Amino acid sequence: MHVLLLGGTGSIGSAILEDLIAHGHSVTALARSEKAATVLAENGATPLFGDMTRPEEWAPALAGFDALIQAAAAFDTDMGAIDKKLLDAIAENTAERKIPLRVLYTGGCWLYGETGERIADEMTPFDPLPSFAWMVENWQWLCQADGIAPILIHPAMVYDQHGGVLSRYIEAAWNGQPIEIWGTPDAIWPLVHRADLASAYRLAMEAAPAGQSYCVAAEDGVSTGSLADAIAARSKSAIPHRILPLEEAIERHGDWAAGPALKQRMSGTKIRRELGWRPRFEDAVSMLRGETL
C-alpha cells in the first residue's frame, strides 16, 4: 500500500515507518524541515514537505495514497483545533474518492479515564480526561466523513528500552536524581512497546474493517512504582523516589499531567483475536531491569 505518515520522526511514528518499510509498503512522510526530510529519507520514506498546522497546502496530494496514518501529536492547548483542521482538510480532499482513504486515527488509553481494577476494552464507554475530550469528538466526526474508511487505534502507555513514557524516570535514575512519580506509586499503566504498537498500526491498516477501534496493550496494567523500582535497580540507584502531588504536577506541566497518575487497565484482546497481533514485549519490568531484551 502507498501510505502517508504524519509524525514519522517521532518515537511512535519512526517505529511505524520502520515496520511499514520492512513489510513492503511504500511510505511518504510529512516533513516540516530539511532536517526532518533527511531523517525520513534515510529511514526509507519519501518526504513530503508540509506542516500539520497548514494541511490545505499538502492535502490535495492524498489522491495518490491508499492510507493515512496520523501519529503526530503535541501537548499544547491548540492540539484539538489543529487536529480538527487537519481532519477537515483530509475530508475535503477525499469526498469524491471511489475507494475510500483508509485513515488510522490515534486515540489513547487516557480516553477511558480511571478504570481501577476494571480492564477497559473497545466496548467500554469513553470517560476522557477533559484536555483530551476533543479526540472523541473528532473521531465521531471522522466516522461520518465521505471518502474515508476510519480506523481508531488506542495505544497503551508507550515505552522502549530507552524510555518513551518512561524517559523521565530513566533520565533521572542514570543522572543520580530521584525518580519523580506523579500522584502515587500505585498508579497503574497499561503498556505497549513502541515496536509492538507499530505492528498494530500496520495490521490495522492492512486488514481492519472501516469504523473499527482497537485497544493496543501488551500488558493490561503495571504499577508506576514497580516500573520505577526496576529502572532504579538497573541503574544501581539507591535514591528514594520522589512523589509529586498531582495538583503540583498539573500546575507545572498542564492538565495532561493527570494522565500518568491514573489507575488504569486496558485490554489488547480484540486486536490479538481479530488481526493476529502478537506483541514481542510482554514484561516491561524484566526488560527495564535488564533481564530480557
Protein backbone atom coordinates (compact mmCIF):
# COMPACT_ATOMS: atom_id res chain seq x y z
CA MET A 1 0.00 0.00 0.00
CA HIS A 2 1.05 3.61 -0.53
CA VAL A 3 0.87 5.30 2.87
CA LEU A 4 1.10 8.91 4.01
CA LEU A 5 2.54 9.01 7.53
CA LEU A 6 2.17 12.01 9.83
CA GLY A 7 4.62 12.19 12.74
CA GLY A 8 7.22 9.98 11.08
CA THR A 9 10.18 11.39 13.02
CA GLY A 10 8.58 10.91 16.44
CA SER A 11 9.10 7.97 18.76
CA ILE A 12 5.93 6.18 17.65
CA GLY A 13 5.95 7.40 14.06
CA SER A 14 9.55 6.32 13.41
CA ALA A 15 8.72 2.81 14.65
CA ILE A 16 5.66 2.70 12.38
CA LEU A 17 7.82 3.82 9.45
CA GLU A 18 10.37 1.08 10.10
CA ASP A 19 7.66 -1.58 10.34
CA LEU A 20 5.85 -0.45 7.20
CA ILE A 21 9.05 -0.44 5.15
CA ALA A 22 10.05 -3.86 6.50
CA HIS A 23 6.72 -5.25 5.29
CA GLY A 24 6.94 -3.88 1.77
CA HIS A 25 4.74 -0.80 1.95
CA SER A 26 5.59 2.45 0.16
CA VAL A 27 5.73 5.31 2.67
CA THR A 28 5.60 9.06 2.15
CA ALA A 29 6.02 11.07 5.34
CA LEU A 30 5.24 14.69 6.10
CA ALA A 31 8.35 16.78 6.79
CA ARG A 32 8.38 20.28 8.26
CA SER A 33 12.09 20.90 7.69
CA GLU A 34 15.10 19.84 5.65
CA LYS A 35 16.46 18.07 8.71
CA ALA A 36 13.26 16.04 9.13
CA ALA A 37 13.24 15.26 5.40
CA THR A 38 16.80 13.93 5.59
CA VAL A 39 15.97 11.69 8.55
CA LEU A 40 12.84 10.36 6.85
CA ALA A 41 14.68 9.66 3.60
CA GLU A 42 17.45 7.84 5.46
CA ASN A 43 14.80 5.65 7.04
CA GLY A 44 13.21 4.74 3.72
CA ALA A 45 10.37 7.25 3.32
CA THR A 46 9.74 9.78 0.58
CA PRO A 47 9.49 13.20 2.27
CA LEU A 48 6.51 15.44 1.54
CA PHE A 49 7.23 18.96 2.70
CA GLY A 50 4.39 20.40 4.75
CA ASP A 51 3.17 21.41 8.17
CA MET A 52 0.34 19.69 10.04
CA THR A 53 -0.99 23.12 11.03
CA ARG A 54 -1.39 24.04 7.33
CA PRO A 55 -2.91 20.89 5.83
CA GLU A 56 -4.59 22.78 2.99
CA GLU A 57 -1.14 23.12 1.38
CA TRP A 58 -0.46 19.37 1.05
CA ALA A 59 -3.81 17.58 1.49
CA PRO A 60 -4.56 17.61 -2.28
CA ALA A 61 -1.76 15.02 -2.60
CA LEU A 62 -4.00 12.50 -0.79
CA ALA A 63 -5.40 11.40 -4.13
CA GLY A 64 -2.26 9.34 -4.61
CA PHE A 65 -2.45 7.38 -1.36
CA ASP A 66 -4.24 4.26 -0.14
CA ALA A 67 -3.93 5.09 3.55
CA LEU A 68 -3.01 7.83 6.00
CA ILE A 69 -1.65 7.21 9.49
CA GLN A 70 -1.99 10.07 11.96
CA ALA A 71 0.76 9.51 14.54
CA ALA A 72 1.58 13.16 15.20
CA ALA A 73 0.68 14.88 18.46
CA ALA A 74 1.63 17.87 20.56
CA PHE A 75 0.79 18.53 24.20
CA ASP A 76 -0.41 22.09 23.89
CA THR A 77 -3.67 23.98 24.19
CA ASP A 78 -4.28 24.14 20.44
CA MET A 79 -3.95 20.44 19.65
CA GLY A 80 -7.68 19.81 19.40
CA ALA A 81 -8.21 22.67 16.95
CA ILE A 82 -5.13 21.67 14.93
CA ASP A 83 -6.38 18.11 14.69
CA LYS A 84 -9.87 19.15 13.58
CA LYS A 85 -8.42 21.44 10.90
CA LEU A 86 -6.35 18.50 9.69
CA LEU A 87 -9.39 16.22 9.50
CA ASP A 88 -11.39 18.89 7.67
CA ALA A 89 -8.67 19.14 5.02
CA ILE A 90 -8.46 15.37 4.66
CA ALA A 91 -12.22 15.06 4.25
CA GLU A 92 -12.36 17.89 1.74
CA ASN A 93 -9.84 16.06 -0.45
CA THR A 94 -11.35 12.58 -0.16
CA ALA A 95 -15.08 13.25 -0.54
CA GLU A 96 -15.18 12.16 -4.19
CA ARG A 97 -12.98 9.07 -3.89
CA LYS A 98 -14.37 5.83 -5.28
CA ILE A 99 -12.13 3.81 -2.98
CA PRO A 100 -12.14 5.39 0.50
CA LEU A 101 -8.87 6.52 2.03
CA ARG A 102 -8.01 4.32 5.00
CA VAL A 103 -7.36 6.77 7.85
CA LEU A 104 -5.79 5.43 11.03
CA TYR A 105 -6.62 7.85 13.79
CA THR A 106 -4.89 7.79 17.16
CA GLY A 107 -6.84 7.95 20.39
CA GLY A 108 -5.29 6.55 23.55
CA CYS A 109 -5.81 4.85 26.89
CA TRP A 110 -6.49 8.19 28.60
CA LEU A 111 -9.81 8.39 26.75
CA TYR A 112 -11.10 5.73 29.17
CA GLY A 113 -10.21 7.66 32.31
CA GLU A 114 -9.77 5.94 35.65
CA THR A 115 -10.69 2.26 35.42
CA GLY A 116 -9.44 0.96 38.76
CA GLU A 117 -9.43 -2.84 38.65
CA ARG A 118 -11.73 -2.95 35.60
CA ILE A 119 -9.99 -3.64 32.30
CA ALA A 120 -11.12 -1.22 29.59
CA ASP A 121 -11.76 -2.54 26.11
CA GLU A 122 -13.42 -1.33 22.91
CA MET A 123 -16.89 -1.64 24.45
CA THR A 124 -16.03 0.49 27.49
CA PRO A 125 -17.69 3.94 27.38
CA PHE A 126 -15.32 6.84 26.97
CA ASP A 127 -14.56 8.92 30.02
CA PRO A 128 -11.71 11.09 28.73
CA LEU A 129 -9.53 13.46 30.64
CA PRO A 130 -11.05 16.90 29.88
CA SER A 131 -7.97 18.04 27.99
CA PHE A 132 -8.36 15.09 25.57
CA ALA A 133 -12.14 15.08 25.07
CA TRP A 134 -11.60 16.59 21.61
CA MET A 135 -10.23 13.23 20.42
CA VAL A 136 -13.59 11.56 20.99
CA GLU A 137 -15.44 14.37 19.21
CA ASN A 138 -13.04 14.34 16.25
CA TRP A 139 -13.24 10.56 15.90
CA GLN A 140 -17.02 10.66 15.87
CA TRP A 141 -16.90 13.37 13.21
CA LEU A 142 -14.40 11.38 11.14
CA CYS A 143 -16.73 8.38 11.10
CA GLN A 144 -19.33 10.47 9.23
CA ALA A 145 -16.95 11.87 6.59
CA ASP A 146 -17.33 10.81 2.97
CA GLY A 147 -14.50 9.07 1.16
CA ILE A 148 -12.83 7.88 4.37
CA ALA A 149 -12.54 4.42 5.94
CA PRO A 150 -11.65 5.35 9.55
CA ILE A 151 -9.88 3.04 12.00
CA LEU A 152 -9.16 4.03 15.60
CA ILE A 153 -6.06 2.91 17.49
CA HIS A 154 -5.88 3.32 21.28
CA PRO A 155 -2.25 2.89 22.33
CA ALA A 156 -1.47 1.99 25.90
CA MET A 157 1.41 3.88 27.52
CA VAL A 158 4.24 3.51 25.03
CA TYR A 159 7.76 2.64 26.12
CA ASP A 160 11.01 1.11 24.89
CA GLN A 161 14.39 0.25 26.35
CA HIS A 162 15.43 3.88 26.20
CA GLY A 163 12.33 5.48 27.66
CA GLY A 164 9.27 6.61 25.77
CA VAL A 165 6.73 7.30 28.51
CA LEU A 166 9.45 6.24 30.97
CA SER A 167 12.10 8.66 29.70
CA ARG A 168 11.76 10.94 32.75
CA TYR A 169 12.33 8.00 35.05
CA ILE A 170 15.34 6.70 33.14
CA GLU A 171 16.99 10.09 32.77
CA ALA A 172 16.64 10.82 36.48
CA ALA A 173 17.98 7.44 37.61
CA TRP A 174 21.00 7.49 35.34
CA ASN A 175 21.84 11.05 36.36
CA GLY A 176 21.79 10.31 40.06
CA GLN A 177 18.46 12.06 40.68
CA PRO A 178 15.34 10.71 42.40
CA ILE A 179 12.71 9.29 40.08
CA GLU A 180 9.68 11.58 40.26
CA ILE A 181 6.34 9.79 40.29
CA TRP A 182 3.24 11.91 39.73
CA GLY A 183 0.32 11.24 42.04
CA THR A 184 1.05 7.96 43.83
CA PRO A 185 3.32 4.96 43.16
CA ASP A 186 0.27 2.70 42.94
CA ALA A 187 -0.93 4.38 39.75
CA ILE A 188 -1.43 1.69 37.10
CA TRP A 189 -0.41 1.94 33.43
CA PRO A 190 -1.34 -0.38 30.56
CA LEU A 191 1.82 -0.78 28.49
CA VAL A 192 2.95 -1.45 24.94
CA HIS A 193 6.43 -1.39 23.44
CA ARG A 194 6.78 1.04 20.53
CA ALA A 195 7.79 -1.74 18.12
CA ASP A 196 4.71 -3.77 19.01
CA LEU A 197 2.50 -0.72 18.65
CA ALA A 198 3.96 -0.11 15.20
CA SER A 199 2.98 -3.60 14.08
CA ALA A 200 -0.55 -2.99 15.39
CA TYR A 201 -0.91 0.09 13.19
CA ARG A 202 0.28 -1.86 10.16
CA LEU A 203 -2.03 -4.80 10.77
CA ALA A 204 -5.00 -2.46 11.22
CA MET A 205 -4.09 -0.57 8.06
CA GLU A 206 -3.87 -3.79 6.08
CA ALA A 207 -6.94 -5.62 7.31
CA ALA A 208 -9.20 -3.79 9.79
CA PRO A 209 -12.79 -3.12 8.70
CA ALA A 210 -13.76 0.55 8.43
CA GLY A 211 -15.15 2.03 11.63
CA GLN A 212 -13.40 -0.41 13.96
CA SER A 213 -11.38 0.56 17.01
CA TYR A 214 -8.57 -1.37 18.69
CA CYS A 215 -7.05 -1.08 22.14
CA VAL A 216 -3.37 -1.94 21.93
CA ALA A 217 -1.89 -3.10 25.23
CA ALA A 218 0.62 -5.92 25.68
CA GLU A 219 0.27 -5.68 29.49
CA ASP A 220 -3.09 -4.59 30.83
CA GLY A 221 -1.67 -2.82 33.89
CA VAL A 222 1.67 -2.31 35.67
CA SER A 223 2.22 -0.07 38.69
CA THR A 224 4.38 3.00 38.25
CA GLY A 225 6.15 2.10 41.48
CA SER A 226 7.30 -1.26 40.08
CA LEU A 227 8.49 0.41 36.88
CA ALA A 228 10.45 2.99 38.84
CA ASP A 229 11.93 0.26 41.06
CA ALA A 230 13.08 -1.68 38.00
CA ILE A 231 14.76 1.35 36.47
CA ALA A 232 16.45 2.21 39.77
CA ALA A 233 17.74 -1.36 40.08
CA ARG A 234 19.16 -1.32 36.54
CA SER A 235 20.96 1.98 37.20
CA LYS A 236 22.07 0.82 40.67
CA SER A 237 20.38 3.86 42.19
CA ALA A 238 19.51 3.72 45.89
CA ILE A 239 17.94 7.18 45.91
CA PRO A 240 14.30 7.07 47.12
CA HIS A 241 11.65 8.00 44.60
CA ARG A 242 10.07 11.44 44.91
CA ILE A 243 6.26 11.60 44.90
CA LEU A 244 4.97 14.77 43.25
CA PRO A 245 1.37 15.54 44.29
CA LEU A 246 -0.98 15.52 41.33
CA GLU A 247 -2.04 19.12 41.84
CA GLU A 248 1.58 20.23 41.66
CA ALA A 249 2.25 18.11 38.57
CA ILE A 250 -0.70 19.72 36.80
CA GLU A 251 0.44 23.18 37.86
CA ARG A 252 3.92 22.55 36.47
CA HIS A 253 3.11 20.64 33.29
CA GLY A 254 -0.52 21.31 32.37
CA ASP A 255 -3.79 19.42 32.58
CA TRP A 256 -2.45 16.43 30.65
CA ALA A 257 -0.28 15.55 33.67
CA ALA A 258 -3.38 13.92 35.21
CA GLY A 259 -2.90 11.05 32.73
CA PRO A 260 0.20 9.44 34.27
CA ALA A 261 -1.47 9.50 37.70
CA LEU A 262 -4.45 7.36 36.61
CA LYS A 263 -5.12 3.87 37.92
CA GLN A 264 -5.97 2.32 34.62
CA ARG A 265 -6.06 -1.04 32.91
CA MET A 266 -6.69 -1.74 29.21
CA SER A 267 -7.04 -4.90 27.15
CA GLY A 268 -5.38 -5.94 23.91
CA THR A 269 -7.57 -8.98 23.33
CA LYS A 270 -9.56 -7.78 20.30
CA ILE A 271 -6.58 -6.89 18.12
CA ARG A 272 -4.90 -10.19 19.02
CA ARG A 273 -8.03 -12.14 18.12
CA GLU A 274 -9.16 -10.28 15.00
CA LEU A 275 -5.90 -9.12 13.40
CA GLY A 276 -3.41 -11.66 14.73
CA TRP A 277 -1.35 -9.12 16.67
CA ARG A 278 1.42 -10.84 18.63
CA PRO A 279 3.47 -8.49 20.81
CA ARG A 280 7.10 -9.47 21.37
CA PHE A 281 7.50 -7.49 24.59
CA GLU A 282 5.19 -8.51 27.42
CA ASP A 283 7.28 -7.96 30.55
CA ALA A 284 8.36 -4.35 30.86
CA VAL A 285 9.67 -4.74 34.41
CA SER A 286 12.09 -7.50 33.40
CA MET A 287 13.24 -5.51 30.40
CA LEU A 288 13.83 -2.39 32.46
CA ARG A 289 15.82 -4.43 34.99
CA GLY A 290 18.00 -5.63 32.14
CA GLU A 291 16.88 -9.23 32.48
CA THR A 292 15.39 -9.50 28.96
CA LEU A 293 15.69 -7.74 25.60
